[in-house]
C-alpha atoms as a PDB file:
ATOM      1  CA  UNK A   1      58.227  34.471 -46.271  1.00  0.00           C
ATOM      2  CA  UNK A   2      60.592  34.610 -43.332  1.00  0.00           C
ATOM      3  CA  UNK A   3      64.249  35.505 -43.598  1.00  0.00           C
ATOM      4  CA  UNK A   4      66.812  35.251 -40.976  1.00  0.00           C
ATOM      5  CA  UNK A   5      69.414  37.500 -42.688  1.00  0.00           C
ATOM      6  CA  UNK A   6      70.133  40.716 -40.682  1.00  0.00           C
ATOM      7  CA  UNK A   7      71.152  42.143 -43.995  1.00  0.00           C
ATOM      8  CA  UNK A   8      67.543  42.436 -44.907  1.00  0.00           C
ATOM      9  CA  UNK A   9      67.506  45.434 -42.811  1.00  0.00           C
ATOM     10  CA  UNK A  10      69.796  47.253 -45.112  1.00  0.00           C
ATOM     11  CA  UNK A  11      66.819  48.251 -47.164  1.00  0.00           C
ATOM     12  CA  UNK A  12      66.157  51.006 -44.617  1.00  0.00           C
ATOM     13  CA  UNK A  13      69.455  52.788 -45.041  1.00  0.00           C
ATOM     14  CA  UNK A  14      69.820  56.023 -47.123  1.00  0.00           C
ATOM     15  CA  UNK A  15      66.174  56.381 -48.173  1.00  0.00           C
ATOM     16  CA  UNK A  16      63.700  59.071 -47.161  1.00  0.00           C
ATOM     17  CA  UNK A  17      60.849  57.317 -44.969  1.00  0.00           C
ATOM     18  CA  UNK A  18      57.600  59.031 -43.953  1.00  0.00           C
ATOM     19  CA  UNK A  19      56.790  58.184 -40.427  1.00  0.00           C
ATOM     20  CA  UNK A  20      53.458  56.799 -39.024  1.00  0.00           C
ATOM     21  CA  UNK A  21      52.188  55.840 -35.585  1.00  0.00           C
ATOM     22  CA  UNK A  22      50.023  52.603 -35.690  1.00  0.00           C
ATOM     23  CA  UNK A  23      47.789  51.376 -32.932  1.00  0.00           C
ATOM     24  CA  UNK A  24      47.940  47.527 -32.043  1.00  0.00           C
ATOM     25  CA  UNK A  25      46.710  45.269 -34.908  1.00  0.00           C
ATOM     26  CA  UNK A  26      43.803  43.108 -34.032  1.00  0.00           C
ATOM     27  CA  UNK A  27      43.958  39.398 -34.883  1.00  0.00           C
ATOM     28  CA  UNK A  28      46.939  39.695 -37.209  1.00  0.00           C
ATOM     29  CA  UNK A  29      48.468  36.263 -37.867  1.00  0.00           C
ATOM     30  CA  UNK A  30      52.100  35.844 -39.211  1.00  0.00           C
ATOM     31  CA  UNK A  31      51.089  32.505 -40.702  1.00  0.00           C
ATOM     32  CA  UNK A  32      48.688  34.187 -43.237  1.00  0.00           C
ATOM     33  CA  UNK A  33      51.120  36.566 -44.812  1.00  0.00           C
ATOM     34  CA  UNK A  34      50.530  34.973 -48.289  1.00  0.00           C
ATOM     35  CA  UNK A  35      46.887  35.372 -47.959  1.00  0.00           C
ATOM     36  CA  UNK A  36      47.095  38.929 -46.815  1.00  0.00           C
ATOM     37  CA  UNK A  37      49.308  39.610 -49.916  1.00  0.00           C
ATOM     38  CA  UNK A  38      46.654  38.265 -52.294  1.00  0.00           C
ATOM     39  CA  UNK A  39      43.872  40.217 -50.689  1.00  0.00           C
ATOM     40  CA  UNK A  40      45.961  43.331 -50.662  1.00  0.00           C
ATOM     41  CA  UNK A  41      46.880  42.825 -54.218  1.00  0.00           C
ATOM     42  CA  UNK A  42      43.181  42.428 -55.270  1.00  0.00           C
ATOM     43  CA  UNK A  43      42.328  45.610 -53.260  1.00  0.00           C
ATOM     44  CA  UNK A  44      45.231  47.384 -55.081  1.00  0.00           C
ATOM     45  CA  UNK A  45      43.853  46.285 -58.456  1.00  0.00           C
ATOM     46  CA  UNK A  46      40.494  47.416 -57.771  1.00  0.00           C
ATOM     47  CA  UNK A  47      41.805  50.922 -56.697  1.00  0.00           C
ATOM     48  CA  UNK A  48      43.842  51.061 -60.017  1.00  0.00           C
ATOM     49  CA  UNK A  49      40.632  50.197 -61.930  1.00  0.00           C
ATOM     50  CA  UNK A  50      38.813  53.072 -60.288  1.00  0.00           C
ATOM     51  CA  UNK A  51      41.682  55.324 -61.280  1.00  0.00           C
ATOM     52  CA  UNK A  52      42.852  56.162 -57.680  1.00  0.00           C
ATOM     53  CA  UNK A  53      46.166  54.168 -57.682  1.00  0.00           C
ATOM     54  CA  UNK A  54      49.246  55.422 -59.459  1.00  0.00           C
ATOM     55  CA  UNK A  55      48.899  54.590 -63.246  1.00  0.00           C
ATOM     56  CA  UNK A  56      52.142  52.976 -64.815  1.00  0.00           C
ATOM     57  CA  UNK A  57      50.696  51.594 -67.915  1.00  0.00           C
ATOM     58  CA  UNK A  58      48.597  48.671 -68.948  1.00  0.00           C
ATOM     59  CA  UNK A  59      51.315  46.109 -69.665  1.00  0.00           C
ATOM     60  CA  UNK A  60      52.497  45.677 -66.038  1.00  0.00           C
ATOM     61  CA  UNK A  61      51.348  43.818 -63.020  1.00  0.00           C
ATOM     62  CA  UNK A  62      51.686  45.077 -59.503  1.00  0.00           C
ATOM     63  CA  UNK A  63      52.913  42.618 -57.106  1.00  0.00           C
ATOM     64  CA  UNK A  64      52.502  42.516 -53.319  1.00  0.00           C
ATOM     65  CA  UNK A  65      54.938  40.821 -50.922  1.00  0.00           C
ATOM     66  CA  UNK A  66      54.628  40.666 -47.121  1.00  0.00           C
ATOM     67  CA  UNK A  67      57.751  39.439 -45.363  1.00  0.00           C
ATOM     68  CA  UNK A  68      58.594  38.844 -41.670  1.00  0.00           C
ATOM     69  CA  UNK A  69      61.904  40.231 -40.566  1.00  0.00           C
ATOM     70  CA  UNK A  70      62.611  38.230 -37.279  1.00  0.00           C
ATOM     71  CA  UNK A  71      66.100  40.196 -36.680  1.00  0.00           C
ATOM     72  CA  UNK A  72      64.527  43.615 -36.962  1.00  0.00           C
ATOM     73  CA  UNK A  73      63.343  44.027 -33.331  1.00  0.00           C
ATOM     74  CA  UNK A  74      64.873  45.238 -30.097  1.00  0.00           C
ATOM     75  CA  UNK A  75      64.166  42.096 -27.846  1.00  0.00           C
ATOM     76  CA  UNK A  76      62.160  38.847 -27.885  1.00  0.00           C
ATOM     77  CA  UNK A  77      59.333  40.699 -26.364  1.00  0.00           C
ATOM     78  CA  UNK A  78      58.970  42.680 -29.669  1.00  0.00           C
ATOM     79  CA  UNK A  79      57.204  41.040 -32.463  1.00  0.00           C
ATOM     80  CA  UNK A  80      59.378  40.585 -35.615  1.00  0.00           C
ATOM     81  CA  UNK A  81      59.058  43.684 -38.196  1.00  0.00           C
ATOM     82  CA  UNK A  82      56.868  43.259 -41.096  1.00  0.00           C
ATOM     83  CA  UNK A  83      58.059  44.388 -44.628  1.00  0.00           C
ATOM     84  CA  UNK A  84      55.394  45.318 -47.280  1.00  0.00           C
ATOM     85  CA  UNK A  85      56.542  45.736 -50.887  1.00  0.00           C
ATOM     86  CA  UNK A  86      54.685  46.550 -54.049  1.00  0.00           C
ATOM     87  CA  UNK A  87      56.717  45.796 -57.287  1.00  0.00           C
ATOM     88  CA  UNK A  88      56.078  46.058 -61.037  1.00  0.00           C
ATOM     89  CA  UNK A  89      56.738  43.527 -63.557  1.00  0.00           C
ATOM     90  CA  UNK A  90      56.211  43.916 -67.174  1.00  0.00           C
ATOM     91  CA  UNK A  91      54.224  41.117 -68.849  1.00  0.00           C
ATOM     92  CA  UNK A  92      56.820  40.968 -71.429  1.00  0.00           C
ATOM     93  CA  UNK A  93      59.735  40.494 -69.001  1.00  0.00           C
ATOM     94  CA  UNK A  94      61.414  37.075 -68.619  1.00  0.00           C
ATOM     95  CA  UNK A  95      60.131  34.930 -65.808  1.00  0.00           C
ATOM     96  CA  UNK A  96      63.529  35.083 -63.830  1.00  0.00           C
ATOM     97  CA  UNK A  97      63.948  38.936 -64.167  1.00  0.00           C
ATOM     98  CA  UNK A  98      63.712  40.833 -60.835  1.00  0.00           C
ATOM     99  CA  UNK A  99      60.567  42.847 -60.074  1.00  0.00           C
ATOM    100  CA  UNK A 100      61.134  46.683 -59.650  1.00  0.00           C
ATOM    101  CA  UNK A 101      60.101  47.779 -56.144  1.00  0.00           C
ATOM    102  CA  UNK A 102      57.929  50.808 -56.274  1.00  0.00           C
ATOM    103  CA  UNK A 103      56.960  51.143 -52.658  1.00  0.00           C
ATOM    104  CA  UNK A 104      57.967  49.838 -49.384  1.00  0.00           C
ATOM    105  CA  UNK A 105      56.356  49.945 -46.026  1.00  0.00           C
ATOM    106  CA  UNK A 106      57.818  48.580 -42.664  1.00  0.00           C
ATOM    107  CA  UNK A 107      56.096  47.918 -39.458  1.00  0.00           C
ATOM    108  CA  UNK A 108      58.475  47.659 -36.558  1.00  0.00           C
ATOM    109  CA  UNK A 109      58.730  47.846 -32.843  1.00  0.00           C
ATOM    110  CA  UNK A 110      62.221  48.370 -31.305  1.00  0.00           C
ATOM    111  CA  UNK A 111      61.913  48.025 -27.533  1.00  0.00           C
ATOM    112  CA  UNK A 112      58.274  48.840 -27.540  1.00  0.00           C
ATOM    113  CA  UNK A 113      57.600  47.399 -24.147  1.00  0.00           C
ATOM    114  CA  UNK A 114      55.674  50.416 -22.991  1.00  0.00           C
ATOM    115  CA  UNK A 115      52.889  49.542 -25.439  1.00  0.00           C
ATOM    116  CA  UNK A 116      52.960  45.755 -25.418  1.00  0.00           C
ATOM    117  CA  UNK A 117      52.753  45.382 -21.702  1.00  0.00           C
ATOM    118  CA  UNK A 118      49.301  43.982 -20.485  1.00  0.00           C
ATOM    119  CA  UNK A 119      48.189  43.925 -24.178  1.00  0.00           C
ATOM    120  CA  UNK A 120      45.675  41.117 -24.817  1.00  0.00           C
ATOM    121  CA  UNK A 121      47.006  38.076 -26.995  1.00  0.00           C
ATOM    122  CA  UNK A 122      44.783  39.034 -29.929  1.00  0.00           C
ATOM    123  CA  UNK A 123      46.761  42.314 -30.516  1.00  0.00           C
ATOM    124  CA  UNK A 124      50.109  42.669 -32.228  1.00  0.00           C
ATOM    125  CA  UNK A 125      51.961  45.837 -31.244  1.00  0.00           C
ATOM    126  CA  UNK A 126      54.068  47.218 -34.121  1.00  0.00           C
ATOM    127  CA  UNK A 127      53.612  51.016 -33.380  1.00  0.00           C
ATOM    128  CA  UNK A 128      56.151  52.531 -35.984  1.00  0.00           C
ATOM    129  CA  UNK A 129      55.248  52.449 -39.595  1.00  0.00           C
ATOM    130  CA  UNK A 130      57.818  53.692 -42.175  1.00  0.00           C
ATOM    131  CA  UNK A 131      56.756  54.307 -45.773  1.00  0.00           C
ATOM    132  CA  UNK A 132      58.933  54.976 -48.806  1.00  0.00           C
ATOM    133  CA  UNK A 133      57.192  55.683 -52.218  1.00  0.00           C
ATOM    134  CA  UNK A 134      54.104  57.390 -53.609  1.00  0.00           C
ATOM    135  CA  UNK A 135      51.585  58.722 -51.097  1.00  0.00           C
ATOM    136  CA  UNK A 136      48.790  57.054 -53.016  1.00  0.00           C
ATOM    137  CA  UNK A 137      50.117  53.704 -52.363  1.00  0.00           C
ATOM    138  CA  UNK A 138      50.713  54.493 -48.614  1.00  0.00           C
ATOM    139  CA  UNK A 139      47.099  55.654 -48.420  1.00  0.00           C
ATOM    140  CA  UNK A 140      45.724  52.334 -50.078  1.00  0.00           C
ATOM    141  CA  UNK A 141      47.913  50.064 -47.893  1.00  0.00           C
ATOM    142  CA  UNK A 142      47.222  51.931 -44.705  1.00  0.00           C
ATOM    143  CA  UNK A 143      43.423  51.850 -45.353  1.00  0.00           C
ATOM    144  CA  UNK A 144      43.590  48.135 -46.002  1.00  0.00           C
ATOM    145  CA  UNK A 145      45.370  47.585 -42.692  1.00  0.00           C
ATOM    146  CA  UNK A 146      42.959  49.858 -40.853  1.00  0.00           C
ATOM    147  CA  UNK A 147      39.996  47.954 -42.083  1.00  0.00           C
ATOM    148  CA  UNK A 148      41.527  44.550 -41.928  1.00  0.00           C
ATOM    149  CA  UNK A 149      43.156  44.724 -38.394  1.00  0.00           C
ATOM    150  CA  UNK A 150      40.933  47.488 -36.749  1.00  0.00           C
ATOM    151  CA  UNK A 151      43.939  49.744 -36.298  1.00  0.00           C
ATOM    152  CA  UNK A 152      44.683  53.557 -36.955  1.00  0.00           C
ATOM    153  CA  UNK A 153      47.443  55.189 -38.786  1.00  0.00           C
ATOM    154  CA  UNK A 154      48.495  58.714 -37.908  1.00  0.00           C
ATOM    155  CA  UNK A 155      51.356  60.700 -39.429  1.00  0.00           C
ATOM    156  CA  UNK A 156      54.232  61.048 -36.976  1.00  0.00           C
ATOM    157  CA  UNK A 157      55.498  64.614 -36.731  1.00  0.00           C
ATOM    158  CA  UNK A 158      58.649  65.406 -34.857  1.00  0.00           C
ATOM    159  CA  UNK A 159      58.614  68.382 -32.661  1.00  0.00           C
ATOM    160  CA  UNK A 160      61.633  70.739 -31.926  1.00  0.00           C
ATOM    161  CA  UNK A 161      62.200  69.055 -28.643  1.00  0.00           C
ATOM    162  CA  UNK A 162      62.586  65.723 -30.125  1.00  0.00           C
ATOM    163  CA  UNK A 163      64.821  67.013 -32.886  1.00  0.00           C
ATOM    164  CA  UNK A 164      67.128  68.653 -30.350  1.00  0.00           C
ATOM    165  CA  UNK A 165      67.437  65.212 -28.553  1.00  0.00           C
ATOM    166  CA  UNK A 166      68.232  63.598 -31.874  1.00  0.00           C
ATOM    167  CA  UNK A 167      71.001  65.951 -32.715  1.00  0.00           C
ATOM    168  CA  UNK A 168      72.428  65.812 -29.235  1.00  0.00           C
ATOM    169  CA  UNK A 169      72.458  61.893 -29.213  1.00  0.00           C
ATOM    170  CA  UNK A 170      73.720  61.569 -32.674  1.00  0.00           C
ATOM    171  CA  UNK A 171      76.444  64.128 -32.480  1.00  0.00           C
ATOM    172  CA  UNK A 172      77.876  62.239 -29.612  1.00  0.00           C
ATOM    173  CA  UNK A 173      78.188  59.014 -31.605  1.00  0.00           C
ATOM    174  CA  UNK A 174      81.626  57.793 -32.842  1.00  0.00           C
ATOM    175  CA  UNK A 175      81.895  58.003 -36.671  1.00  0.00           C
ATOM    176  CA  UNK A 176      84.832  58.221 -39.067  1.00  0.00           C
ATOM    177  CA  UNK A 177      86.743  61.428 -39.624  1.00  0.00           C
ATOM    178  CA  UNK A 178      85.230  61.993 -43.128  1.00  0.00           C
ATOM    179  CA  UNK A 179      81.821  62.236 -41.576  1.00  0.00           C
ATOM    180  CA  UNK A 180      79.475  65.157 -42.889  1.00  0.00           C
ATOM    181  CA  UNK A 181      78.989  68.130 -40.799  1.00  0.00           C
ATOM    182  CA  UNK A 182      76.272  68.316 -38.190  1.00  0.00           C
ATOM    183  CA  UNK A 183      73.538  70.654 -39.555  1.00  0.00           C
ATOM    184  CA  UNK A 184      70.507  72.365 -37.890  1.00  0.00           C
ATOM    185  CA  UNK A 185      68.041  74.128 -40.012  1.00  0.00           C
ATOM    186  CA  UNK A 186      65.718  76.711 -38.283  1.00  0.00           C
ATOM    187  CA  UNK A 187      62.507  78.522 -39.569  1.00  0.00           C
ATOM    188  CA  UNK A 188      62.100  82.047 -38.709  1.00  0.00           C
ATOM    189  CA  UNK A 189      58.445  82.713 -37.787  1.00  0.00           C
ATOM    190  CA  UNK A 190      56.099  85.677 -38.410  1.00  0.00           C
ATOM    191  CA  UNK A 191      57.847  86.804 -41.666  1.00  0.00           C
ATOM    192  CA  UNK A 192      56.062  87.905 -44.828  1.00  0.00           C
ATOM    193  CA  UNK A 193      58.563  85.533 -46.796  1.00  0.00           C
ATOM    194  CA  UNK A 194      59.762  82.104 -45.521  1.00  0.00           C
ATOM    195  CA  UNK A 195      63.306  82.264 -44.105  1.00  0.00           C
ATOM    196  CA  UNK A 196      65.279  79.281 -43.010  1.00  0.00           C
ATOM    197  CA  UNK A 197      68.749  79.473 -41.207  1.00  0.00           C
ATOM    198  CA  UNK A 198      71.162  76.715 -41.576  1.00  0.00           C
ATOM    199  CA  UNK A 199      73.816  76.077 -38.927  1.00  0.00           C
ATOM    200  CA  UNK A 200      76.597  73.679 -39.699  1.00  0.00           C
ATOM    201  CA  UNK A 201      79.080  72.321 -37.144  1.00  0.00           C
ATOM    202  CA  UNK A 202      82.059  70.181 -37.751  1.00  0.00           C
ATOM    203  CA  UNK A 203      81.345  66.798 -36.559  1.00  0.00           C
ATOM    204  CA  UNK A 204      84.395  66.574 -34.324  1.00  0.00           C
ATOM    205  CA  UNK A 205      83.531  69.990 -32.650  1.00  0.00           C
ATOM    206  CA  UNK A 206      79.880  68.851 -32.090  1.00  0.00           C
ATOM    207  CA  UNK A 207      81.119  65.514 -30.392  1.00  0.00           C
ATOM    208  CA  UNK A 208      83.794  67.405 -28.288  1.00  0.00           C
ATOM    209  CA  UNK A 209      81.061  69.899 -27.082  1.00  0.00           C
ATOM    210  CA  UNK A 210      78.646  66.839 -26.219  1.00  0.00           C
ATOM    211  CA  UNK A 211      81.538  64.996 -24.417  1.00  0.00           C
ATOM    212  CA  UNK A 212      81.909  68.071 -22.184  1.00  0.00           C
ATOM    213  CA  UNK A 213      78.149  68.290 -21.457  1.00  0.00           C
ATOM    214  CA  UNK A 214      77.409  64.628 -20.945  1.00  0.00           C
ATOM    215  CA  UNK A 215      77.879  63.551 -17.262  1.00  0.00           C
ATOM    216  CA  UNK A 216      77.233  59.706 -17.543  1.00  0.00           C
ATOM    217  CA  UNK A 217      78.320  58.086 -20.756  1.00  0.00           C
ATOM    218  CA  UNK A 218      75.346  56.004 -22.012  1.00  0.00           C
ATOM    219  CA  UNK A 219      72.710  58.128 -20.306  1.00  0.00           C
ATOM    220  CA  UNK A 220      71.228  61.542 -21.429  1.00  0.00           C
ATOM    221  CA  UNK A 221      69.024  63.872 -19.539  1.00  0.00           C
ATOM    222  CA  UNK A 222      66.917  66.748 -20.708  1.00  0.00           C
ATOM    223  CA  UNK A 223      69.251  69.196 -18.806  1.00  0.00           C
ATOM    224  CA  UNK A 224      72.242  67.809 -20.768  1.00  0.00           C
ATOM    225  CA  UNK A 225      70.358  68.365 -24.092  1.00  0.00           C
ATOM    226  CA  UNK A 226      69.316  71.894 -23.072  1.00  0.00           C
ATOM    227  CA  UNK A 227      72.914  72.839 -22.167  1.00  0.00           C
ATOM    228  CA  UNK A 228      74.147  71.361 -25.540  1.00  0.00           C
ATOM    229  CA  UNK A 229      71.719  73.427 -27.592  1.00  0.00           C
ATOM    230  CA  UNK A 230      72.383  76.540 -25.511  1.00  0.00           C
ATOM    231  CA  UNK A 231      75.989  76.314 -26.185  1.00  0.00           C
ATOM    232  CA  UNK A 232      75.153  76.184 -29.924  1.00  0.00           C
ATOM    233  CA  UNK A 233      72.804  79.145 -29.628  1.00  0.00           C
ATOM    234  CA  UNK A 234      75.345  81.152 -27.690  1.00  0.00           C
ATOM    235  CA  UNK A 235      78.203  80.404 -30.186  1.00  0.00           C
ATOM    236  CA  UNK A 236      75.965  81.359 -33.200  1.00  0.00           C
ATOM    237  CA  UNK A 237      74.708  84.652 -31.433  1.00  0.00           C
ATOM    238  CA  UNK A 238      78.331  85.680 -30.565  1.00  0.00           C
ATOM    239  CA  UNK A 239      79.113  85.495 -34.267  1.00  0.00           C
ATOM    240  CA  UNK A 240      75.989  86.595 -36.063  1.00  0.00           C
ATOM    241  CA  UNK A 241      73.874  88.427 -33.423  1.00  0.00           C
ATOM    242  CA  UNK A 242      70.845  86.139 -34.130  1.00  0.00           C
ATOM    243  CA  UNK A 243      68.903  84.461 -31.401  1.00  0.00           C
ATOM    244  CA  UNK A 244      68.214  80.962 -32.755  1.00  0.00           C
ATOM    245  CA  UNK A 245      66.139  80.185 -29.714  1.00  0.00           C
ATOM    246  CA  UNK A 246      63.395  82.495 -31.049  1.00  0.00           C
ATOM    247  CA  UNK A 247      63.304  80.272 -34.419  1.00  0.00           C
ATOM    248  CA  UNK A 248      61.880  76.932 -34.779  1.00  0.00           C
ATOM    249  CA  UNK A 249      64.119  73.826 -35.264  1.00  0.00           C
ATOM    250  CA  UNK A 250      62.759  72.111 -38.257  1.00  0.00           C
ATOM    251  CA  UNK A 251      65.422  69.710 -39.383  1.00  0.00           C
ATOM    252  CA  UNK A 252      68.618  67.980 -38.108  1.00  0.00           C
ATOM    253  CA  UNK A 253      71.235  66.262 -40.102  1.00  0.00           C
ATOM    254  CA  UNK A 254      74.190  64.105 -38.924  1.00  0.00           C
ATOM    255  CA  UNK A 255      76.318  61.300 -40.034  1.00  0.00           C
ATOM    256  CA  UNK A 256      73.853  58.893 -38.200  1.00  0.00           C
ATOM    257  CA  UNK A 257      70.543  60.162 -39.532  1.00  0.00           C
ATOM    258  CA  UNK A 258      68.525  63.140 -40.848  1.00  0.00           C
ATOM    259  CA  UNK A 259      65.113  63.987 -39.526  1.00  0.00           C
ATOM    260  CA  UNK A 260      62.560  66.585 -40.497  1.00  0.00           C
ATOM    261  CA  UNK A 261      59.709  68.095 -38.349  1.00  0.00           C
ATOM    262  CA  UNK A 262      57.256  66.735 -41.048  1.00  0.00           C
ATOM    263  CA  UNK A 263      58.163  63.294 -39.992  1.00  0.00           C
ATOM    264  CA  UNK A 264      60.643  62.442 -42.734  1.00  0.00           C
ATOM    265  CA  UNK A 265      63.752  60.410 -41.586  1.00  0.00           C
ATOM    266  CA  UNK A 266      66.675  59.081 -43.501  1.00  0.00           C
ATOM    267  CA  UNK A 267      68.901  56.636 -41.662  1.00  0.00           C
ATOM    268  CA  UNK A 268      72.595  56.873 -42.864  1.00  0.00           C
ATOM    269  CA  UNK A 269      74.580  54.460 -40.565  1.00  0.00           C
ATOM    270  CA  UNK A 270      73.975  50.822 -40.192  1.00  0.00           C
ATOM    271  CA  UNK A 271      75.686  50.620 -36.836  1.00  0.00           C
ATOM    272  CA  UNK A 272      73.074  52.944 -35.296  1.00  0.00           C
ATOM    273  CA  UNK A 273      69.994  51.658 -37.014  1.00  0.00           C
ATOM    274  CA  UNK A 274      68.530  50.000 -34.018  1.00  0.00           C
ATOM    275  CA  UNK A 275      69.135  53.089 -31.877  1.00  0.00           C
ATOM    276  CA  UNK A 276      67.373  55.437 -34.361  1.00  0.00           C
ATOM    277  CA  UNK A 277      64.481  52.880 -34.822  1.00  0.00           C
ATOM    278  CA  UNK A 278      64.251  52.673 -30.842  1.00  0.00           C
ATOM    279  CA  UNK A 279      63.899  56.394 -30.520  1.00  0.00           C
ATOM    280  CA  UNK A 280      61.329  56.560 -33.295  1.00  0.00           C
ATOM    281  CA  UNK A 281      59.358  53.676 -31.742  1.00  0.00           C
ATOM    282  CA  UNK A 282      59.213  55.578 -28.554  1.00  0.00           C
ATOM    283  CA  UNK A 283      57.861  58.638 -30.485  1.00  0.00           C
ATOM    284  CA  UNK A 284      55.227  56.447 -32.114  1.00  0.00           C
ATOM    285  CA  UNK A 285      54.156  54.983 -28.644  1.00  0.00           C
ATOM    286  CA  UNK A 286      53.736  58.384 -27.114  1.00  0.00           C
ATOM    287  CA  UNK A 287      51.360  59.483 -29.933  1.00  0.00           C
ATOM    288  CA  UNK A 288      49.235  56.189 -29.349  1.00  0.00           C
ATOM    289  CA  UNK A 289      49.075  56.626 -25.608  1.00  0.00           C
END
């Protein structure tokens, strides 16, 4: 199936997605999506028969759909995104009733030129994979793609440096005045009991700070991100006498998106969807290279 509706990308919003980095797919053909769906469906049925897949009762069928999303890419050089969905339908349901989607996975490349340059024709570069649903299904689908297209999947963690870039970039975006606070969560190391510190900043204050730090609108440097974070650390220390620089940044939350160091992302604002996916594509490519 191929859909030209940009709204199809709305399924990515306001859900928690586990991130993966995927090496190029070998001999993947977009003209064979129906065939791939049938083979993957058969593989899923075999796994359920062995008791490895999530059990949902004997009166339901698990359906597999693969769809091309031509509008979900950064440029013409990027291949269209690929949506994989698993859905349930009860055998007792009317034929025209909608299936219940139980798992979604999306392969995409948003300005992934760094990986696709000089790549042989037999390879398709979709370095970022986002999964929403039971990990059992993610494992089965991932294993099938690895065997079928000779690629590798790796969980994509987000280090504190990348999280600081995210909060600086997203704090500087224009959002409505009812936007939620910018929040940073830090984990304090070397304690007998886990301790997290949550630091919330009013979105207008965070944007005002970023505007004073950023020298060239539309461009961001590591130095600017460092200055932004150090200002936040200094403010926190002045009030609470705690050095946040000694803790580990593990989560950032803004009106644009939320990101956790474990590689879980929730995209909240449709206007900045492409920008968030571009940053995540860059992270995925850096792990492959």
